[in-house]
Amino acid sequence: MALSEDSNGGRPQRAPLSASRGMRFGRSVASTLGTIAVTLLGLLFITFIIGRVMPIDPVLAIVGERASQSTYDAVYEQLGLDKPLLVQFLYYLWDVIHLDFGTSLLNARPVSEDIARVFPATLELATLGIIFGVIFGVPLGVLAAVHKGSWIDQIARVVALVGYSMPIFWLGLMGLLIFYGVLGWVGGPGRVGIFYADVVPARTGLILVDSLLDGNLEVFRDAFSHIILPASLLGYYSLAYVSRMTRSFMLEQLSAEYVTTARVKGMSEWNVIWKHAFKNIRVQLITVIALSYANLLEGSVLTEIIFSWPGIGSYITTALLSADMNAVLGGTVVVGLIFILLNIFSDLLYKVFDPRAK
């Protein structure tokens, strides 16, 4: 504890705790911001290098293979490819800082506008998926740990194994065939039916939210019928991971001495499981759920393609197949930024749920 001299007697006294806490908080914020800056710089450098080593000529993608050499050279200089690599990276870094990812070769629109248009679709799909995975995955993992070796545990392990083993594109095709083609319980590919496209104004880009804000329940029901199947498939993938990790964390806690002590003292099994054992795995689950959510946001490419979902995954895939590297790199940077932000968010939640991290 820092000491200071009293102005009257010269005796040392304790410095205000608020100043010490303020200094620690300032150092923590500075360290976090420094980590974010270094991570972002590394991410941008990697994406820049990927754009340069890809066997795709951006100039040919613009001018075409039949363009003259003079036209090729003019575009080559216009793109700044004649400058040293370090200078190119600095230009790229400056543009990204200003949210300028260049212009898409497919539609001649700014890539940042395209990403702002397609990302809400992925966000909506992944959010419903992670909600499904957490609501069903966490209780399933807890039950499997509590009833270790029983038929409940076996079912939970099989469910998780199937979720890990089955290719999601196969599950998507089978889901469309059964629930849409045969039973007609859900809507088909796309976010809404063709008759409901552009009916409600895009305030947030989330079709379910926008339809509710507009008071159009008919569009909401149609949009929900289209999103429920792909969101459930992503949720099942997330459920498999979350339930497996929850089971592992709970088994470790249930074998601890404090749980045995609580049971010996006559505490109810409900309190032992949920108020003691589960409370101690919340911090670990935060990381698991955050990483699972990030994986759904950037790893739903196959799901978006199968269901014709106009999200960032299908956008990046289409851009890659069309040699539109501006769109590919812009989408990659956004996905990497999502991972960074979710990791920071999980670190902040650590301090909320675990006093030792404060």
Protein backbone atom coordinates (compact mmCIF):
# COMPACT_ATOMS: atom_id res chain seq x y z
CA MET A 1 0.00 0.00 0.00
CA ALA A 2 1.38 3.39 -0.98
CA LEU A 3 2.19 5.81 1.89
CA SER A 4 2.28 9.62 2.08
CA GLU A 5 3.50 12.01 4.78
CA ASP A 6 1.02 13.95 6.89
CA SER A 7 1.50 17.72 6.59
CA ASN A 8 1.24 18.19 10.37
CA GLY A 9 3.21 15.51 12.11
CA GLY A 10 5.20 14.06 9.27
CA ARG A 11 3.70 10.66 9.99
CA PRO A 12 3.01 8.38 7.01
CA GLN A 13 -0.61 7.72 6.06
CA ARG A 14 -2.30 5.46 3.54
CA ALA A 15 -2.83 6.89 0.07
CA PRO A 16 -6.43 6.98 -1.10
CA LEU A 17 -7.60 3.61 -2.35
CA SER A 18 -9.47 5.27 -5.19
CA ALA A 19 -6.21 6.53 -6.73
CA SER A 20 -4.66 3.08 -6.57
CA ARG A 21 -7.72 1.48 -8.10
CA GLY A 22 -7.81 4.16 -10.77
CA MET A 23 -4.20 3.42 -11.71
CA ARG A 24 -4.88 -0.32 -11.91
CA PHE A 25 -7.96 0.32 -14.02
CA GLY A 26 -5.99 2.62 -16.32
CA ARG A 27 -3.24 0.04 -16.76
CA SER A 28 -5.85 -2.63 -17.46
CA VAL A 29 -7.56 -0.49 -20.10
CA ALA A 30 -4.23 0.41 -21.70
CA SER A 31 -3.18 -3.24 -21.78
CA THR A 32 -6.49 -4.28 -23.33
CA LEU A 33 -6.33 -1.56 -25.99
CA GLY A 34 -2.73 -2.48 -26.75
CA THR A 35 -3.66 -6.13 -27.17
CA ILE A 36 -6.55 -5.20 -29.47
CA ALA A 37 -4.29 -2.97 -31.58
CA VAL A 38 -1.58 -5.62 -31.96
CA THR A 39 -4.11 -8.32 -32.77
CA LEU A 40 -5.86 -6.17 -35.36
CA LEU A 41 -2.53 -5.23 -36.92
CA GLY A 42 -1.60 -8.90 -37.18
CA LEU A 43 -4.99 -9.74 -38.66
CA LEU A 44 -4.71 -6.99 -41.28
CA PHE A 45 -1.17 -8.03 -42.16
CA ILE A 46 -2.22 -11.65 -42.66
CA THR A 47 -5.20 -10.72 -44.82
CA PHE A 48 -2.99 -8.40 -46.86
CA ILE A 49 -0.43 -11.14 -47.47
CA ILE A 50 -3.20 -13.59 -48.39
CA GLY A 51 -4.45 -11.11 -50.97
CA ARG A 52 -0.96 -10.92 -52.49
CA VAL A 53 -0.09 -14.64 -52.56
CA MET A 54 -3.43 -15.83 -53.93
CA PRO A 55 -3.00 -17.13 -57.51
CA ILE A 56 -5.49 -14.52 -58.74
CA ASP A 57 -4.53 -11.48 -60.75
CA PRO A 58 -6.77 -8.59 -59.59
CA VAL A 59 -5.90 -6.60 -62.69
CA LEU A 60 -7.09 -9.34 -65.05
CA ALA A 61 -10.23 -9.69 -62.96
CA ILE A 62 -10.96 -6.02 -63.73
CA VAL A 63 -9.83 -5.55 -67.32
CA GLY A 64 -10.31 -9.07 -68.64
CA GLU A 65 -7.90 -11.32 -70.50
CA ARG A 66 -8.34 -9.54 -73.85
CA ALA A 67 -7.27 -6.11 -72.59
CA SER A 68 -4.22 -4.48 -74.13
CA GLN A 69 -0.92 -4.25 -72.28
CA SER A 70 -1.27 -0.49 -71.91
CA THR A 71 -4.68 -0.90 -70.27
CA TYR A 72 -3.28 -3.59 -67.99
CA ASP A 73 -0.35 -1.37 -66.96
CA ALA A 74 -2.63 1.60 -66.28
CA VAL A 75 -4.89 -0.40 -63.98
CA TYR A 76 -1.84 -2.01 -62.37
CA GLU A 77 -0.53 1.42 -61.41
CA GLN A 78 -3.98 2.65 -60.41
CA LEU A 79 -4.27 -0.19 -57.89
CA GLY A 80 -0.87 0.73 -56.47
CA LEU A 81 0.64 -2.66 -57.26
CA ASP A 82 3.76 -1.01 -58.71
CA LYS A 83 4.73 0.33 -55.28
CA PRO A 84 6.86 -1.53 -52.70
CA LEU A 85 5.02 -4.10 -50.60
CA LEU A 86 5.41 -2.11 -47.38
CA VAL A 87 3.90 0.98 -49.01
CA GLN A 88 1.01 -1.11 -50.31
CA PHE A 89 0.36 -2.43 -46.81
CA LEU A 90 0.38 1.06 -45.33
CA TYR A 91 -2.15 2.20 -47.92
CA TYR A 92 -4.25 -0.88 -47.18
CA LEU A 93 -4.04 -0.20 -43.44
CA TRP A 94 -5.10 3.43 -43.91
CA ASP A 95 -8.10 2.41 -46.01
CA VAL A 96 -9.27 -0.24 -43.54
CA ILE A 97 -9.01 2.19 -40.63
CA HIS A 98 -11.45 4.36 -42.56
CA LEU A 99 -13.68 1.32 -43.24
CA ASP A 100 -12.78 1.40 -46.90
CA PHE A 101 -12.38 -2.15 -48.23
CA GLY A 102 -12.37 -1.08 -51.85
CA THR A 103 -14.97 -1.65 -54.54
CA SER A 104 -16.51 -5.01 -55.38
CA LEU A 105 -15.69 -6.25 -58.85
CA LEU A 106 -19.06 -7.99 -59.11
CA ASN A 107 -21.40 -5.05 -58.62
CA ALA A 108 -19.09 -1.98 -58.53
CA ARG A 109 -20.39 -1.06 -55.06
CA PRO A 110 -18.24 -0.36 -51.99
CA VAL A 111 -17.47 -3.59 -50.16
CA SER A 112 -18.29 -1.97 -46.82
CA GLU A 113 -21.86 -1.32 -48.03
CA ASP A 114 -22.20 -4.92 -49.22
CA ILE A 115 -20.99 -6.27 -45.85
CA ALA A 116 -23.37 -3.97 -43.97
CA ARG A 117 -26.17 -5.34 -46.13
CA VAL A 118 -25.42 -9.09 -45.81
CA PHE A 119 -24.06 -9.32 -42.26
CA PRO A 120 -27.42 -8.86 -40.45
CA ALA A 121 -28.71 -12.02 -42.14
CA THR A 122 -25.80 -14.04 -40.72
CA LEU A 123 -26.12 -12.34 -37.34
CA GLU A 124 -29.81 -13.24 -37.13
CA LEU A 125 -29.20 -16.85 -38.16
CA ALA A 126 -26.24 -17.40 -35.84
CA THR A 127 -27.95 -15.72 -32.88
CA LEU A 128 -30.97 -18.01 -33.08
CA GLY A 129 -28.60 -20.94 -33.50
CA ILE A 130 -26.57 -20.15 -30.37
CA ILE A 131 -29.75 -19.55 -28.36
CA PHE A 132 -30.97 -22.99 -29.38
CA GLY A 133 -27.58 -24.55 -28.58
CA VAL A 134 -27.31 -22.96 -25.14
CA ILE A 135 -30.92 -23.56 -24.05
CA PHE A 136 -30.73 -27.26 -24.84
CA GLY A 137 -27.00 -27.94 -24.67
CA VAL A 138 -26.26 -26.69 -21.15
CA PRO A 139 -29.06 -28.63 -19.36
CA LEU A 140 -28.23 -31.72 -21.42
CA GLY A 141 -24.58 -31.54 -20.38
CA VAL A 142 -25.49 -31.03 -16.73
CA LEU A 143 -27.90 -33.99 -16.74
CA ALA A 144 -25.30 -36.17 -18.44
CA ALA A 145 -22.73 -35.31 -15.77
CA VAL A 146 -25.14 -35.80 -12.86
CA HIS A 147 -26.27 -39.19 -14.24
CA LYS A 148 -22.87 -40.32 -15.45
CA GLY A 149 -22.99 -43.80 -16.99
CA SER A 150 -26.79 -43.92 -17.13
CA TRP A 151 -28.99 -44.03 -20.21
CA ILE A 152 -29.33 -40.22 -20.01
CA ASP A 153 -25.57 -39.89 -20.25
CA GLN A 154 -25.44 -42.31 -23.17
CA ILE A 155 -28.14 -40.42 -25.07
CA ALA A 156 -26.37 -37.10 -24.48
CA ARG A 157 -23.08 -38.51 -25.73
CA VAL A 158 -24.73 -39.97 -28.84
CA VAL A 159 -26.45 -36.66 -29.55
CA ALA A 160 -23.12 -34.83 -29.28
CA LEU A 161 -21.34 -37.44 -31.39
CA VAL A 162 -23.91 -37.20 -34.18
CA GLY A 163 -23.69 -33.42 -34.10
CA TYR A 164 -19.92 -33.61 -34.54
CA SER A 165 -19.88 -36.42 -37.10
CA MET A 166 -22.70 -35.63 -39.51
CA PRO A 167 -21.74 -33.18 -42.28
CA ILE A 168 -23.91 -30.11 -41.91
CA PHE A 169 -24.55 -29.91 -45.65
CA TRP A 170 -26.03 -33.44 -45.55
CA LEU A 171 -28.23 -32.55 -42.60
CA GLY A 172 -29.33 -29.41 -44.41
CA LEU A 173 -30.29 -31.28 -47.57
CA MET A 174 -32.14 -33.96 -45.59
CA GLY A 175 -33.92 -31.28 -43.56
CA LEU A 176 -35.08 -29.50 -46.71
CA LEU A 177 -36.21 -32.76 -48.26
CA ILE A 178 -38.20 -33.94 -45.23
CA PHE A 179 -39.50 -30.83 -43.48
CA TYR A 180 -39.96 -28.63 -46.55
CA GLY A 181 -40.37 -30.96 -49.52
CA VAL A 182 -42.37 -33.80 -47.91
CA LEU A 183 -44.03 -32.46 -44.77
CA GLY A 184 -44.24 -28.77 -45.70
CA TRP A 185 -43.68 -27.71 -42.09
CA VAL A 186 -41.09 -25.02 -42.84
CA GLY A 187 -40.37 -22.47 -45.53
CA GLY A 188 -37.93 -23.14 -48.33
CA PRO A 189 -34.60 -21.51 -49.15
CA GLY A 190 -34.16 -17.78 -48.67
CA ARG A 191 -35.08 -15.44 -45.82
CA VAL A 192 -38.71 -14.89 -46.88
CA GLY A 193 -41.07 -16.04 -49.59
CA ILE A 194 -40.96 -14.22 -52.90
CA PHE A 195 -44.27 -12.48 -52.18
CA TYR A 196 -42.93 -10.97 -48.94
CA ALA A 197 -39.59 -9.72 -50.27
CA ASP A 198 -39.01 -6.01 -49.47
CA VAL A 199 -42.47 -5.69 -47.91
CA VAL A 200 -41.21 -4.32 -44.59
CA PRO A 201 -38.60 -1.50 -44.40
CA ALA A 202 -35.11 -2.65 -43.42
CA ARG A 203 -34.56 -0.72 -40.21
CA THR A 204 -32.11 -3.14 -38.59
CA GLY A 205 -31.53 -5.66 -41.38
CA LEU A 206 -32.91 -8.40 -39.12
CA ILE A 207 -36.05 -9.54 -40.87
CA LEU A 208 -37.73 -10.88 -37.72
CA VAL A 209 -37.10 -7.66 -35.83
CA ASP A 210 -38.06 -5.43 -38.76
CA SER A 211 -41.35 -7.27 -39.31
CA LEU A 212 -42.26 -6.88 -35.64
CA LEU A 213 -41.33 -3.19 -35.67
CA ASP A 214 -43.55 -2.77 -38.72
CA GLY A 215 -46.36 -4.72 -37.04
CA ASN A 216 -46.54 -7.16 -39.95
CA LEU A 217 -47.12 -10.53 -38.29
CA GLU A 218 -47.69 -12.24 -41.63
CA VAL A 219 -44.15 -11.43 -42.76
CA PHE A 220 -42.85 -12.43 -39.33
CA ARG A 221 -44.47 -15.86 -39.56
CA ASP A 222 -43.15 -16.39 -43.07
CA ALA A 223 -39.62 -15.28 -42.10
CA PHE A 224 -39.69 -17.49 -39.01
CA SER A 225 -40.74 -20.50 -41.10
CA HIS A 226 -37.70 -19.90 -43.33
CA ILE A 227 -35.15 -19.38 -40.57
CA ILE A 228 -36.21 -22.10 -38.14
CA LEU A 229 -34.65 -25.01 -40.06
CA PRO A 230 -31.17 -23.53 -40.78
CA ALA A 231 -31.04 -22.00 -37.30
CA SER A 232 -31.92 -25.38 -35.75
CA LEU A 233 -29.16 -27.09 -37.72
CA LEU A 234 -26.60 -24.53 -36.59
CA GLY A 235 -28.04 -24.79 -33.08
CA TYR A 236 -27.63 -28.57 -33.15
CA TYR A 237 -23.99 -28.16 -34.14
CA SER A 238 -23.54 -25.71 -31.26
CA LEU A 239 -25.52 -27.96 -28.89
CA ALA A 240 -23.11 -30.84 -29.54
CA TYR A 241 -20.12 -28.72 -28.54
CA VAL A 242 -21.73 -26.92 -25.61
CA SER A 243 -23.25 -30.07 -24.07
CA ARG A 244 -19.97 -31.97 -24.32
CA MET A 245 -17.95 -29.20 -22.66
CA THR A 246 -20.64 -28.64 -19.99
CA ARG A 247 -20.56 -32.34 -19.13
CA SER A 248 -16.77 -32.28 -18.82
CA PHE A 249 -16.77 -29.17 -16.62
CA MET A 250 -19.54 -30.51 -14.38
CA LEU A 251 -17.86 -33.89 -13.89
CA GLU A 252 -14.78 -32.10 -12.60
CA GLN A 253 -16.81 -30.02 -10.15
CA LEU A 254 -19.04 -32.86 -8.94
CA SER A 255 -15.95 -34.85 -7.93
CA ALA A 256 -14.58 -31.96 -5.84
CA GLU A 257 -14.47 -32.10 -2.04
CA TYR A 258 -16.77 -29.12 -1.49
CA VAL A 259 -19.59 -30.95 -3.30
CA THR A 260 -19.14 -34.00 -1.09
CA THR A 261 -19.13 -31.75 1.97
CA ALA A 262 -22.33 -30.04 0.87
CA ARG A 263 -24.08 -33.37 0.40
CA VAL A 264 -22.90 -34.63 3.79
CA LYS A 265 -24.37 -31.52 5.40
CA GLY A 266 -27.75 -32.45 3.95
CA MET A 267 -27.98 -29.83 1.23
CA SER A 268 -30.55 -30.62 -1.46
CA GLU A 269 -29.26 -32.10 -4.71
CA TRP A 270 -30.73 -29.17 -6.65
CA ASN A 271 -28.70 -26.65 -4.64
CA VAL A 272 -25.57 -28.77 -4.87
CA ILE A 273 -25.82 -29.00 -8.66
CA TRP A 274 -27.03 -25.56 -9.68
CA LYS A 275 -26.01 -23.23 -6.85
CA HIS A 276 -22.58 -24.69 -6.22
CA ALA A 277 -21.20 -26.90 -8.99
CA PHE A 278 -22.78 -25.08 -11.93
CA LYS A 279 -21.89 -21.69 -10.45
CA ASN A 280 -18.22 -22.63 -10.61
CA ILE A 281 -18.28 -23.53 -14.31
CA ARG A 282 -19.96 -20.35 -15.53
CA VAL A 283 -16.67 -18.66 -16.34
CA GLN A 284 -15.53 -21.62 -18.43
CA LEU A 285 -18.88 -21.79 -20.19
CA ILE A 286 -18.60 -18.13 -21.16
CA THR A 287 -15.54 -18.93 -23.28
CA VAL A 288 -17.17 -22.00 -24.78
CA ILE A 289 -20.35 -20.13 -25.74
CA ALA A 290 -18.45 -17.11 -27.07
CA LEU A 291 -16.25 -19.29 -29.30
CA SER A 292 -19.23 -21.31 -30.44
CA TYR A 293 -21.08 -18.13 -31.35
CA ALA A 294 -18.08 -16.83 -33.29
CA ASN A 295 -17.83 -20.13 -35.15
CA LEU A 296 -21.49 -19.89 -36.13
CA LEU A 297 -21.01 -16.33 -37.37
CA GLU A 298 -18.09 -17.21 -39.62
CA GLY A 299 -18.57 -20.93 -40.19
CA SER A 300 -22.12 -21.01 -41.54
CA VAL A 301 -20.95 -20.93 -45.16
CA LEU A 302 -22.34 -24.34 -46.14
CA THR A 303 -25.62 -23.68 -44.35
CA GLU A 304 -26.04 -20.33 -46.11
CA ILE A 305 -25.28 -21.87 -49.49
CA ILE A 306 -27.70 -24.78 -49.03
CA PHE A 307 -30.52 -22.54 -47.83
CA SER A 308 -29.73 -19.65 -50.22
CA TRP A 309 -29.23 -17.46 -47.16
CA PRO A 310 -27.86 -14.05 -48.18
CA GLY A 311 -25.30 -13.79 -45.40
CA ILE A 312 -21.62 -12.98 -45.17
CA GLY A 313 -20.58 -16.61 -45.61
CA SER A 314 -22.21 -16.97 -49.00
CA TYR A 315 -21.03 -13.46 -49.89
CA ILE A 316 -17.37 -14.35 -49.27
CA THR A 317 -17.74 -17.67 -51.12
CA THR A 318 -19.29 -16.02 -54.17
CA ALA A 319 -16.59 -13.34 -54.14
CA LEU A 320 -13.82 -15.94 -53.91
CA LEU A 321 -15.19 -17.93 -56.84
CA SER A 322 -15.40 -14.68 -58.84
CA ALA A 323 -11.86 -13.57 -57.94
CA ASP A 324 -13.27 -10.52 -56.14
CA MET A 325 -10.44 -10.19 -53.65
CA ASN A 326 -11.61 -6.86 -52.24
CA ALA A 327 -14.82 -8.52 -51.07
CA VAL A 328 -12.97 -11.61 -49.82
CA LEU A 329 -10.47 -9.62 -47.75
CA GLY A 330 -13.14 -7.25 -46.44
CA GLY A 331 -15.28 -10.14 -45.26
CA THR A 332 -12.25 -11.86 -43.73
CA VAL A 333 -11.34 -8.76 -41.74
CA VAL A 334 -14.91 -8.45 -40.43
CA VAL A 335 -14.98 -12.10 -39.36
CA GLY A 336 -11.62 -11.73 -37.59
CA LEU A 337 -12.85 -8.58 -35.86
CA ILE A 338 -15.87 -10.53 -34.60
CA PHE A 339 -13.59 -13.07 -32.95
CA ILE A 340 -11.59 -10.32 -31.27
CA LEU A 341 -14.68 -8.51 -29.97
CA LEU A 342 -16.26 -11.71 -28.64
CA ASN A 343 -13.04 -12.61 -26.83
CA ILE A 344 -12.95 -9.16 -25.25
CA PHE A 345 -16.60 -9.50 -24.27
CA SER A 346 -15.95 -12.88 -22.64
CA ASP A 347 -13.01 -11.38 -20.72
CA LEU A 348 -15.30 -8.65 -19.39
CA LEU A 349 -17.84 -11.24 -18.30
CA TYR A 350 -15.07 -13.05 -16.42
CA LYS A 351 -14.86 -10.11 -14.07
CA VAL A 352 -18.61 -10.13 -13.54
CA PHE A 353 -18.92 -13.83 -12.67
CA ASP A 354 -15.52 -14.47 -11.10
CA PRO A 355 -14.46 -12.00 -8.35
CA ARG A 356 -10.90 -13.38 -8.52
CA ALA A 357 -10.51 -11.83 -11.98
CA LYS A 358 -11.31 -8.32 -10.75
